[in-house]
């Protein structure tokens, strides 16, 4: 049986993938569906925290039109 392929998302630096609302442990040997409710709730919370952190970091980077004017070293 193969895992569903739509709504795909890998948890950063892990063998965990979320497909169609289900977590899968994926390796070169195959895939295993994570079915433990406590484990999958924890994965959902961690994935949400990673996404929030990514958004927070992205908001810290200035857009190209927000870069300050170059400093001429105090010379006129």
N, C-alpha and C. Protein backbone atom coordinates (compact mmCIF):
# COMPACT_ATOMS: atom_id res chain seq x y z
N UNK A 1 0.84 -1.17 0.00
CA UNK A 1 0.00 0.00 0.00
C UNK A 1 0.89 1.23 0.00
N UNK A 2 0.61 2.15 -0.88
CA UNK A 2 1.41 3.37 -0.93
C UNK A 2 0.72 4.50 -0.19
N UNK A 3 1.53 5.45 0.27
CA UNK A 3 0.99 6.58 1.02
C UNK A 3 0.38 7.59 0.06
N UNK A 4 -0.62 8.35 0.51
CA UNK A 4 -1.18 9.41 -0.33
C UNK A 4 -0.12 10.45 -0.68
N UNK A 5 -0.26 11.12 -1.81
CA UNK A 5 0.79 12.05 -2.22
C UNK A 5 0.38 13.51 -2.22
N UNK A 6 -0.90 13.85 -2.09
CA UNK A 6 -1.27 15.27 -2.12
C UNK A 6 -1.09 15.89 -0.74
N UNK A 7 -1.04 17.23 -0.73
CA UNK A 7 -0.81 17.99 0.51
C UNK A 7 0.41 17.46 1.26
N UNK A 8 1.55 17.56 0.62
CA UNK A 8 2.80 16.98 1.08
C UNK A 8 3.61 18.02 1.83
N UNK A 9 4.22 17.62 2.94
CA UNK A 9 5.10 18.53 3.66
C UNK A 9 6.04 17.78 4.58
N UNK A 10 7.35 18.01 4.42
CA UNK A 10 8.35 17.34 5.25
C UNK A 10 8.68 18.23 6.44
N UNK A 11 8.78 17.62 7.61
CA UNK A 11 9.22 18.33 8.80
C UNK A 11 10.73 18.50 8.70
N UNK A 12 11.21 19.71 8.86
CA UNK A 12 12.61 20.06 8.63
C UNK A 12 13.56 19.12 9.37
N UNK A 13 14.58 18.68 8.64
CA UNK A 13 15.66 17.83 9.18
C UNK A 13 15.15 16.58 9.88
N UNK A 14 14.13 15.96 9.33
CA UNK A 14 13.62 14.73 9.93
C UNK A 14 13.08 13.81 8.84
N UNK A 15 12.84 12.56 9.19
CA UNK A 15 12.24 11.63 8.24
C UNK A 15 10.71 11.70 8.28
N UNK A 16 10.16 12.74 8.89
CA UNK A 16 8.71 12.86 9.04
C UNK A 16 8.10 13.68 7.91
N UNK A 17 7.02 13.14 7.35
CA UNK A 17 6.32 13.80 6.26
C UNK A 17 4.83 13.81 6.58
N UNK A 18 4.17 14.92 6.29
CA UNK A 18 2.72 15.02 6.49
C UNK A 18 2.05 14.96 5.13
N UNK A 19 1.19 13.97 4.94
CA UNK A 19 0.46 13.79 3.68
C UNK A 19 -1.01 13.62 4.01
N UNK A 20 -1.84 14.46 3.41
CA UNK A 20 -3.30 14.40 3.60
C UNK A 20 -3.69 14.35 5.08
N UNK A 21 -2.99 15.14 5.91
CA UNK A 21 -3.34 15.22 7.32
C UNK A 21 -2.82 14.09 8.17
N UNK A 22 -1.98 13.23 7.62
CA UNK A 22 -1.42 12.11 8.38
C UNK A 22 0.11 12.20 8.36
N UNK A 23 0.72 11.84 9.48
CA UNK A 23 2.17 11.84 9.58
C UNK A 23 2.71 10.48 9.19
N UNK A 24 3.78 10.49 8.40
CA UNK A 24 4.46 9.28 7.96
C UNK A 24 5.93 9.36 8.32
N UNK A 25 6.51 8.24 8.76
CA UNK A 25 7.95 8.13 8.94
C UNK A 25 8.48 7.51 7.65
N UNK A 26 9.37 8.21 6.97
CA UNK A 26 9.81 7.80 5.63
C UNK A 26 11.30 7.52 5.64
N UNK A 27 11.67 6.41 5.03
CA UNK A 27 13.08 6.07 4.85
C UNK A 27 13.24 5.40 3.50
N UNK A 28 14.48 5.08 3.16
CA UNK A 28 14.71 4.39 1.89
C UNK A 28 14.12 2.98 1.90
N UNK A 29 13.87 2.43 3.09
CA UNK A 29 13.29 1.09 3.20
C UNK A 29 11.77 1.10 3.07
N UNK A 30 11.15 2.29 3.19
CA UNK A 30 9.69 2.37 3.08
C UNK A 30 9.11 3.43 3.99
N UNK A 31 7.78 3.42 4.13
CA UNK A 31 7.07 4.40 4.94
C UNK A 31 6.19 3.70 5.97
N UNK A 32 6.06 4.35 7.13
CA UNK A 32 5.21 3.82 8.20
C UNK A 32 4.30 4.95 8.65
N UNK A 33 3.02 4.69 8.71
CA UNK A 33 2.05 5.67 9.17
C UNK A 33 2.15 5.81 10.69
N UNK A 34 2.24 7.06 11.17
CA UNK A 34 2.23 7.33 12.61
C UNK A 34 0.78 7.41 13.06
N UNK A 35 0.36 6.52 13.94
CA UNK A 35 -1.04 6.45 14.34
C UNK A 35 -1.30 6.81 15.80
N UNK A 36 -0.26 6.94 16.60
CA UNK A 36 -0.45 7.27 18.01
C UNK A 36 -0.93 8.71 18.14
N UNK A 37 -2.12 8.93 18.72
CA UNK A 37 -2.68 10.28 18.80
C UNK A 37 -1.80 11.27 19.58
N UNK A 38 -1.19 10.83 20.65
CA UNK A 38 -0.34 11.73 21.43
C UNK A 38 0.89 12.13 20.62
N UNK A 39 1.47 11.19 19.91
CA UNK A 39 2.65 11.47 19.08
C UNK A 39 2.29 12.42 17.93
N UNK A 40 1.19 12.17 17.26
CA UNK A 40 0.82 13.03 16.12
C UNK A 40 0.41 14.43 16.59
N UNK A 41 -0.21 14.54 17.77
CA UNK A 41 -0.52 15.88 18.31
C UNK A 41 0.77 16.64 18.60
N UNK A 42 1.74 15.95 19.13
CA UNK A 42 3.04 16.57 19.41
C UNK A 42 3.70 17.02 18.12
N UNK A 43 3.63 16.17 17.09
CA UNK A 43 4.20 16.54 15.79
C UNK A 43 3.48 17.76 15.21
N UNK A 44 2.15 17.80 15.33
CA UNK A 44 1.38 18.95 14.85
C UNK A 44 1.82 20.23 15.56
N UNK A 45 1.97 20.15 16.88
CA UNK A 45 2.40 21.31 17.65
C UNK A 45 3.80 21.76 17.28
N UNK A 46 4.70 20.80 17.09
CA UNK A 46 6.06 21.14 16.72
C UNK A 46 6.10 21.76 15.33
N UNK A 47 5.36 21.19 14.39
CA UNK A 47 5.32 21.74 13.03
C UNK A 47 4.76 23.15 13.03
N UNK A 48 3.74 23.42 13.84
CA UNK A 48 3.18 24.76 13.94
C UNK A 48 4.20 25.73 14.53
N UNK A 49 4.95 25.28 15.53
CA UNK A 49 5.97 26.13 16.15
C UNK A 49 7.09 26.45 15.16
N UNK A 50 7.51 25.47 14.36
CA UNK A 50 8.55 25.69 13.36
C UNK A 50 8.05 26.69 12.31
N UNK A 51 6.81 26.54 11.87
CA UNK A 51 6.24 27.46 10.88
C UNK A 51 6.17 28.89 11.44
N UNK A 52 5.77 29.02 12.70
CA UNK A 52 5.69 30.34 13.33
C UNK A 52 7.09 30.96 13.46
N UNK A 53 8.06 30.15 13.82
CA UNK A 53 9.43 30.65 13.94
C UNK A 53 9.97 31.08 12.58
N UNK A 54 9.69 30.30 11.55
CA UNK A 54 10.11 30.67 10.20
C UNK A 54 9.50 32.01 9.78
N UNK A 55 8.23 32.21 10.08
CA UNK A 55 7.57 33.47 9.74
C UNK A 55 8.17 34.63 10.53
N UNK A 56 8.47 34.40 11.80
CA UNK A 56 9.06 35.46 12.62
C UNK A 56 10.44 35.85 12.09
N UNK A 57 11.24 34.88 11.71
CA UNK A 57 12.56 35.17 11.17
C UNK A 57 12.43 35.89 9.83
N UNK A 58 11.52 35.45 8.99
CA UNK A 58 11.32 36.10 7.69
C UNK A 58 10.92 37.56 7.87
N UNK A 59 10.17 37.86 8.91
CA UNK A 59 9.74 39.25 9.13
C UNK A 59 10.89 40.13 9.62
N UNK A 60 11.96 39.53 10.11
CA UNK A 60 13.12 40.29 10.58
C UNK A 60 14.01 40.77 9.44
N UNK A 61 13.99 40.06 8.32
CA UNK A 61 14.82 40.42 7.18
C UNK A 61 14.20 41.61 6.46
N UNK A 62 15.00 42.66 6.24
CA UNK A 62 14.45 43.82 5.53
C UNK A 62 14.22 43.50 4.06
N UNK A 63 13.17 44.07 3.51
CA UNK A 63 12.93 43.94 2.08
C UNK A 63 13.93 44.85 1.36
N UNK A 64 14.22 44.58 0.08
CA UNK A 64 15.22 45.40 -0.63
C UNK A 64 14.94 46.90 -0.57
N UNK A 65 13.68 47.31 -0.54
CA UNK A 65 13.37 48.74 -0.49
C UNK A 65 13.49 49.32 0.91
N UNK A 66 13.82 48.49 1.90
CA UNK A 66 13.95 48.96 3.29
C UNK A 66 15.40 49.07 3.74
N UNK A 67 16.36 48.75 2.86
CA UNK A 67 17.75 48.83 3.26
C UNK A 67 18.13 50.29 3.52
N UNK A 68 18.92 50.55 4.57
CA UNK A 68 19.33 51.93 4.84
C UNK A 68 20.29 52.44 3.76
N UNK A 69 20.37 53.73 3.64
CA UNK A 69 21.30 54.34 2.68
C UNK A 69 22.72 54.01 3.11
N UNK A 70 23.61 53.80 2.14
CA UNK A 70 25.00 53.49 2.51
C UNK A 70 25.64 54.62 3.29
N UNK A 71 26.45 54.24 4.27
CA UNK A 71 27.16 55.23 5.09
C UNK A 71 28.45 55.59 4.37
N UNK A 72 28.74 56.86 4.22
CA UNK A 72 29.96 57.27 3.54
C UNK A 72 31.13 57.44 4.50
N UNK A 73 31.03 56.87 5.67
CA UNK A 73 32.14 56.90 6.62
C UNK A 73 32.33 58.25 7.30
N UNK A 74 31.30 59.09 7.34
CA UNK A 74 31.39 60.38 7.99
C UNK A 74 31.98 61.47 7.12
N UNK A 75 32.36 61.15 5.88
CA UNK A 75 32.93 62.14 4.99
C UNK A 75 31.83 62.81 4.16
N UNK A 76 32.06 64.06 3.81
CA UNK A 76 31.10 64.80 3.00
C UNK A 76 31.65 65.06 1.64
